N, C-alpha and C. Protein backbone atom coordinates (compact mmCIF):
# COMPACT_ATOMS: atom_id res chain seq x y z
N MET A 1 79.04 -152.32 35.96
CA MET A 1 79.89 -151.25 36.26
C MET A 1 80.92 -151.60 37.88
N PRO A 2 81.87 -151.29 37.85
CA PRO A 2 82.42 -151.59 39.11
C PRO A 2 82.09 -150.48 40.34
N PRO A 3 82.25 -151.03 41.19
CA PRO A 3 81.64 -150.12 42.33
C PRO A 3 82.44 -148.56 42.54
N SER A 4 83.82 -149.04 42.19
CA SER A 4 84.93 -147.87 42.56
C SER A 4 84.62 -147.03 41.17
N GLU A 5 84.41 -147.32 39.69
CA GLU A 5 83.80 -146.46 38.95
C GLU A 5 82.90 -145.70 39.35
N LEU A 6 81.66 -146.17 39.56
CA LEU A 6 80.34 -145.32 39.86
C LEU A 6 80.42 -144.48 40.83
N ASP A 7 81.40 -145.35 42.42
CA ASP A 7 81.40 -144.10 43.33
C ASP A 7 82.54 -142.87 42.50
N ALA A 8 83.26 -142.84 41.66
CA ALA A 8 84.13 -141.86 41.00
C ALA A 8 82.86 -140.95 40.27
N LEU A 9 81.95 -141.61 39.71
CA LEU A 9 81.14 -140.76 38.93
C LEU A 9 80.25 -140.34 39.73
N ARG A 10 79.76 -140.73 41.01
CA ARG A 10 78.86 -140.06 41.93
C ARG A 10 79.61 -138.96 42.60
N ALA A 11 80.70 -139.34 42.75
CA ALA A 11 81.70 -137.96 43.21
C ALA A 11 81.72 -136.70 42.70
N ALA A 12 81.95 -137.09 41.26
CA ALA A 12 82.00 -136.03 40.26
C ALA A 12 80.62 -135.47 40.23
N MET A 13 79.90 -136.35 40.25
CA MET A 13 77.98 -135.23 40.17
C MET A 13 77.88 -134.77 41.66
N ASP A 14 78.12 -135.24 42.61
CA ASP A 14 78.51 -134.15 43.93
C ASP A 14 79.31 -133.09 43.51
N VAL A 15 80.16 -133.08 43.26
CA VAL A 15 81.14 -131.72 42.72
C VAL A 15 80.29 -130.70 41.68
N LEU A 16 79.78 -131.33 40.69
CA LEU A 16 78.97 -130.35 39.79
C LEU A 16 77.71 -130.01 40.44
N ASN A 17 76.97 -130.64 41.38
CA ASN A 17 75.52 -130.14 41.94
C ASN A 17 76.36 -128.88 42.40
N ARG A 18 77.41 -128.98 43.41
CA ARG A 18 77.50 -128.30 44.30
C ARG A 18 77.88 -126.33 43.26
N ARG A 19 78.45 -126.93 42.27
CA ARG A 19 78.87 -125.77 41.04
C ARG A 19 77.80 -125.17 40.64
N LEU A 20 76.83 -126.17 40.53
CA LEU A 20 75.26 -126.02 39.82
C LEU A 20 74.75 -124.81 40.70
N VAL A 21 74.75 -124.86 42.04
CA VAL A 21 73.75 -124.17 42.85
C VAL A 21 74.76 -122.89 43.22
N ASP A 22 76.33 -122.90 43.12
CA ASP A 22 77.11 -121.82 43.23
C ASP A 22 76.63 -120.79 42.40
N VAL A 23 76.21 -121.37 40.97
CA VAL A 23 76.33 -120.49 39.71
C VAL A 23 74.90 -119.84 40.03
N LEU A 24 73.66 -120.61 40.40
CA LEU A 24 72.65 -120.49 40.68
C LEU A 24 72.57 -119.03 42.01
N HIS A 25 73.38 -119.28 42.78
CA HIS A 25 73.53 -118.23 43.64
C HIS A 25 74.20 -116.85 42.85
N GLU A 26 75.03 -116.98 42.21
CA GLU A 26 75.90 -115.98 41.67
C GLU A 26 74.55 -115.23 40.59
N ARG A 27 73.82 -116.00 39.68
CA ARG A 27 72.87 -115.23 39.21
C ARG A 27 71.81 -114.45 39.89
N ALA A 28 71.47 -115.32 41.33
CA ALA A 28 70.71 -114.12 41.84
C ALA A 28 71.24 -113.00 42.06
N ARG A 29 72.63 -112.94 42.81
CA ARG A 29 73.14 -111.49 43.32
C ARG A 29 73.67 -110.82 41.91
N LEU A 30 73.64 -110.89 40.70
CA LEU A 30 73.27 -110.36 39.81
C LEU A 30 71.93 -109.86 39.89
N CYS A 31 71.14 -110.76 39.75
CA CYS A 31 69.77 -110.32 39.63
C CYS A 31 69.25 -109.40 40.77
N ARG A 32 70.00 -109.04 41.53
CA ARG A 32 69.78 -107.98 42.68
C ARG A 32 70.44 -106.74 42.22
N ARG A 33 71.37 -107.14 41.33
CA ARG A 33 72.46 -106.09 41.18
C ARG A 33 71.67 -105.14 39.92
N ILE A 34 70.80 -106.26 39.03
CA ILE A 34 70.06 -105.79 38.18
C ILE A 34 68.82 -105.02 38.41
N GLY A 35 68.17 -105.46 39.52
CA GLY A 35 66.80 -104.73 39.84
C GLY A 35 67.27 -103.25 40.88
N ALA A 36 68.60 -103.37 41.35
CA ALA A 36 68.59 -101.99 41.96
C ALA A 36 69.14 -101.07 40.81
N LEU A 37 69.89 -101.44 39.86
CA LEU A 37 69.55 -100.27 38.67
C LEU A 37 68.34 -99.88 38.23
N LYS A 38 67.35 -100.95 37.84
CA LYS A 38 65.75 -100.95 37.04
C LYS A 38 65.41 -100.14 38.74
N LYS A 39 65.11 -100.25 39.25
CA LYS A 39 64.45 -99.30 40.72
C LYS A 39 65.35 -97.82 40.35
N VAL A 40 66.54 -97.94 40.34
CA VAL A 40 67.29 -96.19 39.97
C VAL A 40 66.92 -95.46 38.83
N HIS A 41 66.55 -96.21 37.89
CA HIS A 41 66.50 -95.83 36.49
C HIS A 41 64.47 -96.07 36.14
N GLY A 42 63.77 -96.15 37.11
CA GLY A 42 62.36 -96.41 36.67
C GLY A 42 61.77 -97.39 36.15
N GLN A 43 62.65 -98.28 36.06
CA GLN A 43 62.68 -99.95 34.90
C GLN A 43 61.60 -100.71 35.47
N ALA A 44 61.02 -101.26 34.68
CA ALA A 44 59.79 -102.67 35.40
C ALA A 44 60.94 -103.48 35.36
N ALA A 45 60.51 -104.63 36.33
CA ALA A 45 61.49 -105.69 37.25
C ALA A 45 61.42 -106.50 35.64
N ALA A 46 60.24 -106.89 34.81
CA ALA A 46 60.37 -107.83 34.41
C ALA A 46 60.53 -107.32 33.09
N ASP A 47 61.16 -108.08 31.86
CA ASP A 47 61.50 -107.89 30.36
C ASP A 47 61.45 -109.09 29.56
N PRO A 48 60.43 -109.33 29.91
CA PRO A 48 59.88 -110.72 29.00
C PRO A 48 60.90 -110.90 27.35
N THR A 49 61.24 -109.55 26.55
CA THR A 49 61.72 -110.00 25.39
C THR A 49 63.05 -110.55 25.42
N ARG A 50 63.90 -110.06 26.87
CA ARG A 50 65.02 -110.07 26.88
C ARG A 50 64.83 -111.94 27.28
N GLU A 51 64.14 -112.13 28.41
CA GLU A 51 63.73 -113.48 28.49
C GLU A 51 63.51 -114.51 27.58
N ARG A 52 62.82 -114.12 26.27
CA ARG A 52 62.67 -114.75 25.39
C ARG A 52 64.40 -115.00 24.39
N GLU A 53 64.47 -114.12 24.54
CA GLU A 53 65.82 -113.96 23.48
C GLU A 53 66.73 -115.09 24.49
N MET A 54 66.90 -114.74 25.50
CA MET A 54 68.48 -115.42 26.12
C MET A 54 67.75 -117.06 26.24
N LEU A 55 66.26 -117.23 26.29
CA LEU A 55 65.72 -118.64 26.65
C LEU A 55 66.43 -119.65 24.93
N ALA A 56 65.96 -118.68 23.62
CA ALA A 56 66.10 -119.33 22.39
C ALA A 56 67.31 -119.25 22.43
N ALA A 57 68.60 -118.34 22.86
CA ALA A 57 69.78 -118.64 22.30
C ALA A 57 70.61 -119.58 22.86
N LEU A 58 69.85 -120.04 24.09
CA LEU A 58 70.75 -120.98 25.26
C LEU A 58 70.19 -122.69 24.66
N LEU A 59 68.91 -122.49 24.34
CA LEU A 59 67.98 -123.95 23.62
C LEU A 59 68.89 -124.06 22.42
N ALA A 60 68.93 -123.02 21.72
CA ALA A 60 69.73 -123.35 20.36
C ALA A 60 71.41 -123.84 20.24
N ALA A 61 71.94 -123.64 21.64
CA ALA A 61 73.36 -124.28 21.86
C ALA A 61 73.45 -125.08 22.54
N SER A 62 72.13 -126.13 23.02
CA SER A 62 72.20 -127.20 23.63
C SER A 62 73.09 -128.22 22.70
N PRO A 63 74.27 -128.93 23.62
CA PRO A 63 75.08 -129.96 22.59
C PRO A 63 74.34 -130.93 22.78
N ALA A 64 74.68 -131.74 21.64
CA ALA A 64 73.94 -132.87 21.20
C ALA A 64 74.05 -134.06 22.27
N ASP A 65 75.16 -133.92 22.88
CA ASP A 65 75.33 -134.95 24.19
C ASP A 65 75.05 -134.65 25.70
N GLY A 66 74.02 -133.67 25.47
CA GLY A 66 73.28 -132.92 26.84
C GLY A 66 72.14 -132.83 26.87
N PHE A 67 71.23 -132.35 27.61
CA PHE A 67 69.99 -132.17 27.96
C PHE A 67 69.23 -131.84 26.38
N VAL A 68 68.34 -132.61 25.84
CA VAL A 68 67.40 -132.02 24.41
C VAL A 68 66.87 -130.97 25.00
N PRO A 69 66.27 -129.93 24.14
CA PRO A 69 66.02 -128.40 24.37
C PRO A 69 64.89 -128.97 25.13
N ALA A 70 63.72 -129.66 24.94
CA ALA A 70 62.63 -130.15 25.60
C ALA A 70 62.85 -130.00 26.84
N GLU A 71 64.09 -130.89 27.39
CA GLU A 71 64.31 -130.93 29.01
C GLU A 71 64.80 -129.53 29.28
N LEU A 72 65.77 -129.13 28.54
CA LEU A 72 66.42 -128.19 29.60
C LEU A 72 65.04 -126.77 29.63
N GLU A 73 64.66 -126.75 28.40
CA GLU A 73 63.40 -125.53 28.70
C GLU A 73 62.57 -125.71 30.01
N PRO A 74 62.19 -126.33 30.54
CA PRO A 74 61.45 -126.21 31.42
C PRO A 74 62.45 -125.67 33.03
N ILE A 75 63.60 -126.48 32.91
CA ILE A 75 64.67 -126.16 33.94
C ILE A 75 65.02 -124.70 33.76
N LEU A 76 65.26 -123.97 32.48
CA LEU A 76 65.42 -122.77 32.38
C LEU A 76 64.33 -121.77 32.43
N ARG A 77 63.01 -122.37 32.10
CA ARG A 77 62.17 -121.10 32.85
C ARG A 77 61.98 -121.23 34.22
N ALA A 78 62.19 -122.37 34.97
CA ALA A 78 62.14 -122.06 36.50
C ALA A 78 63.27 -121.01 36.85
N VAL A 79 64.23 -121.28 36.54
CA VAL A 79 65.52 -120.19 36.74
C VAL A 79 65.27 -118.91 36.49
N PHE A 80 64.49 -118.79 35.46
CA PHE A 80 63.99 -117.52 35.20
C PHE A 80 62.75 -116.97 36.08
N THR A 81 62.08 -117.60 35.98
CA THR A 81 60.85 -117.52 37.03
C THR A 81 61.47 -117.19 38.39
N ALA A 82 62.43 -117.78 39.14
CA ALA A 82 62.98 -117.61 40.09
C ALA A 82 64.14 -116.19 40.21
N SER A 83 64.24 -115.67 39.12
CA SER A 83 65.57 -114.91 39.06
C SER A 83 64.44 -113.50 38.69
N ARG A 84 63.62 -113.60 38.09
CA ARG A 84 62.57 -112.37 37.86
C ARG A 84 62.10 -112.45 39.21
N ALA A 85 62.22 -113.11 40.11
CA ALA A 85 60.95 -112.99 41.55
C ALA A 85 62.38 -112.40 42.33
N VAL A 86 63.38 -112.35 41.96
CA VAL A 86 64.77 -111.58 42.94
C VAL A 86 64.39 -110.27 42.64
N VAL A 87 64.63 -110.12 41.23
CA VAL A 87 64.99 -108.69 40.26
C VAL A 87 63.52 -108.14 40.96
N ALA A 88 62.40 -108.51 40.98
CA ALA A 88 60.91 -107.78 41.53
C ALA A 88 60.61 -107.20 42.99
N ARG A 89 61.74 -108.16 43.95
CA ARG A 89 61.72 -107.73 45.26
C ARG A 89 62.51 -106.84 45.30
N THR A 90 63.74 -106.70 44.38
CA THR A 90 64.76 -105.90 44.64
C THR A 90 64.18 -104.54 44.19
N VAL A 91 63.23 -104.58 43.34
CA VAL A 91 62.71 -103.32 42.43
C VAL A 91 61.68 -102.72 43.08
N ALA A 92 60.81 -103.70 44.27
CA ALA A 92 59.86 -103.24 45.24
C ALA A 92 60.78 -102.61 46.30
N GLY A 93 61.84 -102.87 46.78
CA GLY A 93 62.66 -102.92 48.41
C GLY A 93 62.70 -103.24 48.92
N SER A 94 62.07 -104.88 48.90
CA SER A 94 62.14 -105.84 49.81
C SER A 94 63.17 -106.70 49.87
């Protein structure tokens, strides 16, 4: 592969990585809003049923040319775990 093509692909990866981080921060902001509503309504921070449903739907929608579900699942579980912590901190008031 010519260096110019590799450089272009790496530059595209850098842009995508920044977008990924931006989306994760956007998710955290939504988690704070969800946590605030759950606090007002006295709901539990965690919703395991909702998490299972989201995970199953996302894994089922995996494109053939992307990550296979077994590779994607731990990534999504890590995002859900971190998101749950954001909600829990918000519900707890910290």
